[in-house]
Amino acid sequence: MVLGIGALAIIAPWFFRWYFICAGLMIGRTNMAQLKEDDVSDRLERLMGPKSASESA
């Protein structure tokens, strides 16, 4: 039971963040989704590193 409550405490913020983003999109509010998209794009750019000259040509 203690492990279940601990896992719930870790997973719940992640789940509800995505839930509110999806609920907002269903009623036409795109602000939270846009912020999350920008955050994910920034993270992907950092993971991929700077683009080399051969990729941009």
N, C-alpha and C. Protein backbone atom coordinates (compact mmCIF):
# COMPACT_ATOMS: atom_id res chain seq x y z
N MET A 1 0.82 -1.19 0.00
CA MET A 1 0.00 0.00 0.00
C MET A 1 0.87 1.26 0.00
N VAL A 2 1.95 1.22 0.75
CA VAL A 2 2.85 2.37 0.79
C VAL A 2 3.49 2.60 -0.58
N LEU A 3 3.87 1.52 -1.25
CA LEU A 3 4.45 1.66 -2.59
C LEU A 3 3.42 2.20 -3.58
N GLY A 4 2.18 1.77 -3.44
CA GLY A 4 1.13 2.26 -4.33
C GLY A 4 0.87 3.74 -4.15
N ILE A 5 0.84 4.20 -2.91
CA ILE A 5 0.64 5.62 -2.64
C ILE A 5 1.84 6.43 -3.14
N GLY A 6 3.04 5.89 -2.95
CA GLY A 6 4.24 6.57 -3.45
C GLY A 6 4.24 6.67 -4.97
N ALA A 7 3.85 5.59 -5.64
CA ALA A 7 3.78 5.61 -7.10
C ALA A 7 2.71 6.59 -7.58
N LEU A 8 1.59 6.62 -6.87
CA LEU A 8 0.52 7.55 -7.23
C LEU A 8 0.98 9.00 -7.07
N ALA A 9 1.75 9.27 -6.04
CA ALA A 9 2.25 10.63 -5.82
C ALA A 9 3.21 11.06 -6.92
N ILE A 10 3.90 10.10 -7.51
CA ILE A 10 4.84 10.42 -8.59
C ILE A 10 4.11 10.55 -9.93
N ILE A 11 3.14 9.68 -10.18
CA ILE A 11 2.47 9.63 -11.47
C ILE A 11 1.35 10.66 -11.60
N ALA A 12 0.66 10.97 -10.51
CA ALA A 12 -0.52 11.85 -10.56
C ALA A 12 -0.23 13.23 -11.18
N PRO A 13 0.84 13.94 -10.80
CA PRO A 13 1.07 15.26 -11.43
C PRO A 13 1.27 15.17 -12.94
N TRP A 14 1.99 14.15 -13.38
CA TRP A 14 2.21 13.96 -14.81
C TRP A 14 0.88 13.69 -15.51
N PHE A 15 0.07 12.78 -14.96
CA PHE A 15 -1.21 12.41 -15.55
C PHE A 15 -2.16 13.61 -15.62
N PHE A 16 -2.31 14.32 -14.52
CA PHE A 16 -3.27 15.42 -14.50
C PHE A 16 -2.82 16.59 -15.36
N ARG A 17 -1.52 16.78 -15.50
CA ARG A 17 -1.04 17.83 -16.40
C ARG A 17 -1.52 17.54 -17.82
N TRP A 18 -1.31 16.31 -18.30
CA TRP A 18 -1.75 15.93 -19.64
C TRP A 18 -3.27 15.93 -19.74
N TYR A 19 -3.95 15.53 -18.66
CA TYR A 19 -5.42 15.53 -18.66
C TYR A 19 -5.96 16.94 -18.87
N PHE A 20 -5.41 17.92 -18.16
CA PHE A 20 -5.88 19.29 -18.30
C PHE A 20 -5.54 19.88 -19.67
N ILE A 21 -4.40 19.48 -20.23
CA ILE A 21 -4.06 19.92 -21.58
C ILE A 21 -5.09 19.39 -22.57
N CYS A 22 -5.41 18.10 -22.47
CA CYS A 22 -6.39 17.49 -23.39
C CYS A 22 -7.79 18.08 -23.19
N ALA A 23 -8.18 18.27 -21.94
CA ALA A 23 -9.50 18.85 -21.67
C ALA A 23 -9.58 20.27 -22.21
N GLY A 24 -8.51 21.02 -22.07
CA GLY A 24 -8.47 22.38 -22.60
C GLY A 24 -8.59 22.40 -24.11
N LEU A 25 -7.93 21.46 -24.78
CA LEU A 25 -8.02 21.40 -26.23
C LEU A 25 -9.44 21.06 -26.68
N MET A 26 -10.15 20.22 -25.92
CA MET A 26 -11.51 19.86 -26.29
C MET A 26 -12.47 21.03 -26.20
N ILE A 27 -12.18 21.99 -25.32
CA ILE A 27 -13.08 23.14 -25.21
C ILE A 27 -12.51 24.38 -25.91
N GLY A 28 -11.43 24.20 -26.65
CA GLY A 28 -10.91 25.29 -27.48
C GLY A 28 -9.83 26.14 -26.85
N ARG A 29 -9.31 25.75 -25.71
CA ARG A 29 -8.23 26.52 -25.08
C ARG A 29 -6.90 25.86 -25.42
N THR A 30 -6.06 26.58 -26.13
CA THR A 30 -4.82 25.99 -26.63
C THR A 30 -3.58 26.50 -25.91
N ASN A 31 -3.73 27.37 -24.93
CA ASN A 31 -2.58 28.00 -24.29
C ASN A 31 -1.66 26.97 -23.61
N MET A 32 -2.24 26.08 -22.78
CA MET A 32 -1.41 25.09 -22.09
C MET A 32 -0.75 24.13 -23.08
N ALA A 33 -1.47 23.76 -24.13
CA ALA A 33 -0.91 22.85 -25.13
C ALA A 33 0.24 23.52 -25.87
N GLN A 34 0.10 24.80 -26.17
CA GLN A 34 1.16 25.52 -26.86
C GLN A 34 2.42 25.61 -25.99
N LEU A 35 2.22 25.88 -24.70
CA LEU A 35 3.36 25.94 -23.78
C LEU A 35 4.06 24.59 -23.69
N LYS A 36 3.28 23.51 -23.63
CA LYS A 36 3.87 22.17 -23.55
C LYS A 36 4.59 21.83 -24.85
N GLU A 37 4.02 22.22 -25.99
CA GLU A 37 4.67 21.97 -27.27
C GLU A 37 6.01 22.69 -27.34
N ASP A 38 6.05 23.94 -26.90
CA ASP A 38 7.30 24.69 -26.88
C ASP A 38 8.33 24.04 -25.97
N ASP A 39 7.88 23.57 -24.81
CA ASP A 39 8.77 22.90 -23.86
C ASP A 39 9.35 21.62 -24.46
N VAL A 40 8.50 20.83 -25.09
CA VAL A 40 8.96 19.57 -25.70
C VAL A 40 9.92 19.86 -26.86
N SER A 41 9.61 20.86 -27.66
CA SER A 41 10.49 21.23 -28.78
C SER A 41 11.86 21.67 -28.29
N ASP A 42 11.88 22.46 -27.22
CA ASP A 42 13.16 22.90 -26.66
C ASP A 42 13.97 21.72 -26.15
N ARG A 43 13.31 20.80 -25.48
CA ARG A 43 14.02 19.61 -24.98
C ARG A 43 14.58 18.77 -26.12
N LEU A 44 13.80 18.60 -27.18
CA LEU A 44 14.28 17.83 -28.33
C LEU A 44 15.47 18.50 -29.00
N GLU A 45 15.44 19.81 -29.11
CA GLU A 45 16.57 20.52 -29.70
C GLU A 45 17.82 20.34 -28.87
N ARG A 46 17.67 20.37 -27.53
CA ARG A 46 18.84 20.17 -26.67
C ARG A 46 19.37 18.76 -26.79
N LEU A 47 18.48 17.77 -26.93
CA LEU A 47 18.93 16.39 -27.06
C LEU A 47 19.62 16.14 -28.40
N MET A 48 19.11 16.76 -29.45
CA MET A 48 19.67 16.55 -30.78
C MET A 48 20.97 17.31 -30.97
N GLY A 49 21.18 18.35 -30.20
CA GLY A 49 22.41 19.13 -30.31
C GLY A 49 22.32 20.10 -31.47
N PRO A 50 23.36 20.89 -31.65
CA PRO A 50 23.36 21.86 -32.76
C PRO A 50 23.40 21.13 -34.09
N LYS A 51 22.71 21.69 -35.08
CA LYS A 51 22.70 21.08 -36.40
C LYS A 51 24.02 21.35 -37.10
N SER A 52 24.50 20.35 -37.78
CA SER A 52 25.75 20.52 -38.51
C SER A 52 25.45 21.17 -39.87
N ALA A 53 26.48 21.64 -40.52
CA ALA A 53 26.33 22.33 -41.80
C ALA A 53 25.80 21.37 -42.88
N SER A 54 26.13 20.09 -42.79
CA SER A 54 25.66 19.14 -43.80
C SER A 54 24.17 18.88 -43.69
N GLU A 55 23.59 18.98 -42.49
CA GLU A 55 22.16 18.73 -42.35
C GLU A 55 21.34 19.89 -42.86
N SER A 56 21.83 21.11 -42.75
CA SER A 56 21.06 22.26 -43.18
C SER A 56 21.14 22.51 -44.68
N ALA A 57 22.09 21.88 -45.37
CA ALA A 57 22.25 22.10 -46.81
C ALA A 57 21.42 21.16 -47.62
